[in-house]
Amino acid sequence: MAVPPLVRPNRAAPVLVCRKCLKRSDDPKATKKAIKKAIKHALTSERERGSGPREKPARVVMTSCFALCPKRAVVVTGGVRAARGEYVLVSAADDAAGALALLRDDQNRSS
């Protein structure tokens, strides 16, 4: 029996966002845009520091419900936090950068 090959992409782990929570948030377009902007900003700051071999920004993947359903927040996870079953709650578009910093810092420590 052949062993399947292991592939590592040239991009960071995807950021998973609950579609249902995003739809129910106060301003879904602004929140999604802020998440994408924070991802790109993190990539440019990593390139300036010269840390990390990653070339492309992480993708934002809309997922089905995580079954947490906070009242006024969007559930976001990715990378190592998703594997551990840990989630970050984004209550406003301004909180997106801090939430992604939590995901990215934990991912950098574990690699």
N, C-alpha and C. Protein backbone atom coordinates (compact mmCIF):
# COMPACT_ATOMS: atom_id res chain seq x y z
N MET A 1 0.84 -1.17 0.00
CA MET A 1 0.00 0.00 0.00
C MET A 1 0.89 1.24 0.00
N ALA A 2 0.63 2.17 -0.88
CA ALA A 2 1.43 3.37 -1.02
C ALA A 2 1.05 4.40 0.05
N VAL A 3 2.04 5.13 0.50
CA VAL A 3 1.82 6.19 1.48
C VAL A 3 1.46 7.47 0.73
N PRO A 4 0.37 8.13 1.10
CA PRO A 4 0.01 9.37 0.41
C PRO A 4 1.01 10.48 0.72
N PRO A 5 1.27 11.35 -0.25
CA PRO A 5 2.25 12.42 -0.03
C PRO A 5 1.69 13.50 0.91
N LEU A 6 2.58 14.13 1.66
CA LEU A 6 2.23 15.23 2.56
C LEU A 6 2.55 16.53 1.84
N VAL A 7 1.59 17.42 1.76
CA VAL A 7 1.76 18.67 1.03
C VAL A 7 1.62 19.84 2.00
N ARG A 8 2.52 20.81 1.91
CA ARG A 8 2.44 22.03 2.71
C ARG A 8 2.31 23.22 1.77
N PRO A 9 1.22 23.96 1.88
CA PRO A 9 1.01 25.09 0.97
C PRO A 9 1.88 26.29 1.34
N ASN A 10 2.01 27.22 0.40
CA ASN A 10 2.75 28.46 0.63
C ASN A 10 1.84 29.54 1.19
N ARG A 11 0.97 29.17 2.06
CA ARG A 11 0.02 30.12 2.64
C ARG A 11 -0.25 29.69 4.07
N ALA A 12 -0.60 30.66 4.89
CA ALA A 12 -0.90 30.38 6.29
C ALA A 12 -2.19 29.57 6.40
N ALA A 13 -2.42 29.02 7.58
CA ALA A 13 -3.63 28.23 7.81
C ALA A 13 -4.87 29.11 7.62
N PRO A 14 -5.95 28.56 7.08
CA PRO A 14 -7.15 29.37 6.84
C PRO A 14 -7.79 29.86 8.13
N VAL A 15 -8.47 30.99 8.02
CA VAL A 15 -9.22 31.54 9.14
C VAL A 15 -10.68 31.14 8.91
N LEU A 16 -11.25 30.42 9.87
CA LEU A 16 -12.62 29.92 9.75
C LEU A 16 -13.58 30.87 10.46
N VAL A 17 -14.61 31.30 9.73
CA VAL A 17 -15.59 32.25 10.25
C VAL A 17 -16.97 31.61 10.14
N CYS A 18 -17.73 31.66 11.22
CA CYS A 18 -19.09 31.11 11.22
C CYS A 18 -20.00 31.99 10.36
N ARG A 19 -20.55 31.41 9.32
CA ARG A 19 -21.41 32.13 8.39
C ARG A 19 -22.68 32.63 9.09
N LYS A 20 -23.24 31.80 9.95
CA LYS A 20 -24.48 32.14 10.63
C LYS A 20 -24.29 33.32 11.60
N CYS A 21 -23.20 33.29 12.35
CA CYS A 21 -22.90 34.39 13.27
C CYS A 21 -22.64 35.68 12.51
N LEU A 22 -21.93 35.57 11.40
CA LEU A 22 -21.63 36.76 10.61
C LEU A 22 -22.90 37.37 10.06
N LYS A 23 -23.80 36.53 9.61
CA LYS A 23 -25.06 37.02 9.05
C LYS A 23 -25.89 37.75 10.10
N ARG A 24 -25.83 37.28 11.34
CA ARG A 24 -26.61 37.89 12.42
C ARG A 24 -25.95 39.10 13.05
N SER A 25 -24.69 39.36 12.72
CA SER A 25 -23.99 40.48 13.35
C SER A 25 -24.56 41.81 12.86
N ASP A 26 -24.19 42.89 13.56
CA ASP A 26 -24.72 44.21 13.23
C ASP A 26 -24.31 44.68 11.84
N ASP A 27 -23.05 44.49 11.48
CA ASP A 27 -22.56 44.93 10.17
C ASP A 27 -21.69 43.84 9.56
N PRO A 28 -22.31 42.84 8.91
CA PRO A 28 -21.55 41.69 8.42
C PRO A 28 -20.49 42.05 7.37
N LYS A 29 -20.81 42.97 6.46
CA LYS A 29 -19.83 43.33 5.43
C LYS A 29 -18.59 43.97 6.04
N ALA A 30 -18.79 44.87 6.98
CA ALA A 30 -17.65 45.55 7.61
C ALA A 30 -16.81 44.58 8.42
N THR A 31 -17.45 43.64 9.09
CA THR A 31 -16.71 42.66 9.90
C THR A 31 -15.87 41.75 9.01
N LYS A 32 -16.45 41.25 7.94
CA LYS A 32 -15.71 40.37 7.03
C LYS A 32 -14.56 41.13 6.36
N LYS A 33 -14.82 42.37 5.99
CA LYS A 33 -13.79 43.19 5.36
C LYS A 33 -12.66 43.47 6.35
N ALA A 34 -13.00 43.71 7.61
CA ALA A 34 -11.98 43.97 8.63
C ALA A 34 -11.12 42.74 8.88
N ILE A 35 -11.72 41.56 8.85
CA ILE A 35 -10.96 40.32 9.03
C ILE A 35 -9.97 40.15 7.89
N LYS A 36 -10.43 40.34 6.66
CA LYS A 36 -9.54 40.21 5.51
C LYS A 36 -8.43 41.25 5.54
N LYS A 37 -8.78 42.47 5.93
CA LYS A 37 -7.78 43.54 6.00
C LYS A 37 -6.73 43.24 7.06
N ALA A 38 -7.15 42.72 8.19
CA ALA A 38 -6.21 42.38 9.26
C ALA A 38 -5.27 41.26 8.83
N ILE A 39 -5.76 40.31 8.06
CA ILE A 39 -4.92 39.23 7.55
C ILE A 39 -3.85 39.79 6.62
N LYS A 40 -4.25 40.65 5.71
CA LYS A 40 -3.28 41.24 4.76
C LYS A 40 -2.29 42.14 5.48
N HIS A 41 -2.76 42.88 6.49
CA HIS A 41 -1.86 43.76 7.25
C HIS A 41 -0.83 42.93 8.01
N ALA A 42 -1.24 41.82 8.57
CA ALA A 42 -0.31 40.94 9.29
C ALA A 42 0.74 40.38 8.33
N LEU A 43 0.34 40.07 7.12
CA LEU A 43 1.28 39.53 6.14
C LEU A 43 2.32 40.58 5.76
N THR A 44 1.89 41.81 5.54
CA THR A 44 2.85 42.86 5.17
C THR A 44 3.80 43.17 6.32
N SER A 45 3.31 43.13 7.56
CA SER A 45 4.21 43.39 8.69
C SER A 45 5.21 42.25 8.86
N GLU A 46 4.81 41.00 8.56
CA GLU A 46 5.74 39.88 8.62
C GLU A 46 6.80 39.99 7.53
N ARG A 47 6.40 40.45 6.37
CA ARG A 47 7.36 40.62 5.28
C ARG A 47 8.38 41.70 5.62
N GLU A 48 7.92 42.78 6.27
CA GLU A 48 8.84 43.86 6.64
C GLU A 48 9.86 43.38 7.67
N ARG A 49 9.43 42.52 8.60
CA ARG A 49 10.35 41.99 9.62
C ARG A 49 11.21 40.88 9.06
N GLY A 50 10.79 40.31 7.95
CA GLY A 50 11.53 39.21 7.35
C GLY A 50 11.31 37.88 8.04
N SER A 51 10.25 37.79 8.84
CA SER A 51 9.99 36.53 9.54
C SER A 51 8.94 35.72 8.81
N GLY A 52 9.20 34.48 8.64
CA GLY A 52 8.21 33.59 8.05
C GLY A 52 8.38 33.40 6.56
N PRO A 53 8.36 32.16 6.11
CA PRO A 53 8.55 31.87 4.69
C PRO A 53 7.26 31.96 3.89
N ARG A 54 6.15 32.25 4.53
CA ARG A 54 4.86 32.25 3.84
C ARG A 54 4.79 33.41 2.84
N GLU A 55 4.27 33.14 1.67
CA GLU A 55 4.18 34.14 0.60
C GLU A 55 2.79 34.73 0.49
N LYS A 56 1.76 33.93 0.68
CA LYS A 56 0.39 34.36 0.44
C LYS A 56 -0.37 34.52 1.75
N PRO A 57 -1.36 35.43 1.78
CA PRO A 57 -2.15 35.58 3.00
C PRO A 57 -3.08 34.39 3.21
N ALA A 58 -3.50 34.22 4.45
CA ALA A 58 -4.45 33.15 4.77
C ALA A 58 -5.79 33.44 4.12
N ARG A 59 -6.51 32.41 3.82
CA ARG A 59 -7.85 32.57 3.25
C ARG A 59 -8.89 32.64 4.36
N VAL A 60 -9.94 33.38 4.09
CA VAL A 60 -11.09 33.42 4.99
C VAL A 60 -12.11 32.43 4.46
N VAL A 61 -12.42 31.43 5.26
CA VAL A 61 -13.34 30.38 4.85
C VAL A 61 -14.61 30.48 5.69
N MET A 62 -15.73 30.65 5.03
CA MET A 62 -17.01 30.70 5.71
C MET A 62 -17.46 29.27 5.98
N THR A 63 -17.79 28.98 7.23
CA THR A 63 -18.15 27.62 7.61
C THR A 63 -19.58 27.57 8.13
N SER A 64 -20.03 26.38 8.38
CA SER A 64 -21.34 26.23 9.01
C SER A 64 -21.20 26.53 10.50
N CYS A 65 -22.26 26.37 11.22
CA CYS A 65 -22.32 26.77 12.63
C CYS A 65 -21.35 25.97 13.50
N PHE A 66 -20.69 26.66 14.43
CA PHE A 66 -19.83 26.01 15.42
C PHE A 66 -20.61 25.63 16.66
N ALA A 67 -21.90 25.93 16.71
CA ALA A 67 -22.81 25.63 17.82
C ALA A 67 -22.47 26.39 19.09
N LEU A 68 -21.88 27.57 18.96
CA LEU A 68 -21.61 28.44 20.10
C LEU A 68 -22.65 29.56 20.18
N CYS A 69 -22.97 30.15 19.07
CA CYS A 69 -24.02 31.15 18.89
C CYS A 69 -24.02 32.27 19.94
N PRO A 70 -22.98 33.10 19.98
CA PRO A 70 -22.99 34.24 20.88
C PRO A 70 -24.00 35.28 20.41
N LYS A 71 -24.50 36.09 21.33
CA LYS A 71 -25.56 37.05 20.99
C LYS A 71 -25.10 38.09 19.98
N ARG A 72 -24.01 38.79 20.24
CA ARG A 72 -23.59 39.88 19.37
C ARG A 72 -22.12 39.75 18.98
N ALA A 73 -21.72 38.59 18.55
CA ALA A 73 -20.33 38.37 18.16
C ALA A 73 -20.26 37.33 17.04
N VAL A 74 -19.11 37.31 16.39
CA VAL A 74 -18.85 36.36 15.32
C VAL A 74 -17.76 35.40 15.81
N VAL A 75 -17.97 34.11 15.61
CA VAL A 75 -17.01 33.09 16.04
C VAL A 75 -15.96 32.91 14.95
N VAL A 76 -14.68 33.02 15.35
CA VAL A 76 -13.55 32.91 14.43
C VAL A 76 -12.54 31.94 15.03
N THR A 77 -11.96 31.10 14.20
CA THR A 77 -10.90 30.20 14.65
C THR A 77 -10.01 29.86 13.46
N GLY A 78 -8.95 29.15 13.72
CA GLY A 78 -8.08 28.74 12.64
C GLY A 78 -6.79 28.15 13.19
N GLY A 79 -6.13 27.36 12.38
CA GLY A 79 -4.84 26.80 12.73
C GLY A 79 -4.88 25.91 13.96
N VAL A 80 -3.96 26.17 14.88
CA VAL A 80 -3.81 25.36 16.07
C VAL A 80 -5.03 25.50 16.99
N ARG A 81 -5.59 26.70 17.05
CA ARG A 81 -6.76 26.91 17.91
C ARG A 81 -7.94 26.05 17.44
N ALA A 82 -8.12 25.90 16.16
CA ALA A 82 -9.21 25.08 15.65
C ALA A 82 -8.99 23.61 16.03
N ALA A 83 -7.75 23.17 15.97
CA ALA A 83 -7.45 21.79 16.34
C ALA A 83 -7.72 21.53 17.82
N ARG A 84 -7.51 22.54 18.64
CA ARG A 84 -7.76 22.41 20.08
C ARG A 84 -9.22 22.63 20.46
N GLY A 85 -10.01 23.13 19.52
CA GLY A 85 -11.40 23.43 19.82
C GLY A 85 -11.56 24.77 20.53
N GLU A 86 -10.65 25.71 20.28
CA GLU A 86 -10.70 27.03 20.87
C GLU A 86 -11.16 28.03 19.82
N TYR A 87 -11.95 29.01 20.26
CA TYR A 87 -12.54 29.98 19.35
C TYR A 87 -12.32 31.39 19.89
N VAL A 88 -12.30 32.37 18.99
CA VAL A 88 -12.18 33.77 19.36
C VAL A 88 -13.47 34.46 18.91
N LEU A 89 -14.01 35.32 19.77
CA LEU A 89 -15.24 36.03 19.45
C LEU A 89 -14.91 37.46 19.02
N VAL A 90 -15.43 37.85 17.86
CA VAL A 90 -15.24 39.20 17.33
C VAL A 90 -16.59 39.91 17.42
N SER A 91 -16.67 40.91 18.30
CA SER A 91 -17.95 41.58 18.49
C SER A 91 -18.13 42.80 17.59
N ALA A 92 -17.04 43.37 17.08
CA ALA A 92 -17.12 44.52 16.17
C ALA A 92 -15.98 44.43 15.18
N ALA A 93 -16.08 45.19 14.11
CA ALA A 93 -15.04 45.17 13.09
C ALA A 93 -13.70 45.63 13.66
N ASP A 94 -13.72 46.49 14.68
CA ASP A 94 -12.48 46.96 15.29
C ASP A 94 -11.75 45.86 16.05
N ASP A 95 -12.44 44.83 16.46
CA ASP A 95 -11.84 43.74 17.23
C ASP A 95 -11.17 42.69 16.36
N ALA A 96 -11.32 42.78 15.05
CA ALA A 96 -10.83 41.74 14.14
C ALA A 96 -9.31 41.61 14.20
N ALA A 97 -8.60 42.72 14.25
CA ALA A 97 -7.13 42.65 14.27
C ALA A 97 -6.62 41.97 15.53
N GLY A 98 -7.22 42.27 16.67
CA GLY A 98 -6.81 41.63 17.92
C GLY A 98 -7.10 40.14 17.93
N ALA A 99 -8.25 39.77 17.38
CA ALA A 99 -8.62 38.36 17.32
C ALA A 99 -7.66 37.58 16.43
N LEU A 100 -7.31 38.14 15.29
CA LEU A 100 -6.39 37.46 14.39
C LEU A 100 -4.97 37.42 14.97
N ALA A 101 -4.62 38.42 15.75
CA ALA A 101 -3.32 38.39 16.42
C ALA A 101 -3.25 37.22 17.40
N LEU A 102 -4.35 36.97 18.10
CA LEU A 102 -4.40 35.81 19.00
C LEU A 102 -4.20 34.51 18.22
N LEU A 103 -4.87 34.38 17.10
CA LEU A 103 -4.74 33.16 16.29
C LEU A 103 -3.32 33.02 15.75
N ARG A 104 -2.76 34.10 15.26
CA ARG A 104 -1.44 34.07 14.64
C ARG A 104 -0.34 33.82 15.67
N ASP A 105 -0.41 34.48 16.85
CA ASP A 105 0.61 34.29 17.87
C ASP A 105 0.67 32.85 18.34
N ASP A 106 -0.50 32.24 18.54
CA ASP A 106 -0.54 30.86 18.99
C ASP A 106 0.00 29.93 17.91
N GLN A 107 -0.26 30.25 16.66
CA GLN A 107 0.21 29.43 15.55
C GLN A 107 1.74 29.53 15.43
N ASN A 108 2.29 30.72 15.64
CA ASN A 108 3.74 30.89 15.54
C ASN A 108 4.47 30.18 16.66
N ARG A 109 3.91 30.13 17.86
CA ARG A 109 4.53 29.44 18.98
C ARG A 109 4.56 27.94 18.79
N SER A 110 3.53 27.39 18.15
CA SER A 110 3.40 25.94 18.03
C SER A 110 4.18 25.36 16.87
N SER A 111 4.58 26.19 15.91
CA SER A 111 5.26 25.67 14.72
C SER A 111 6.68 25.29 15.00
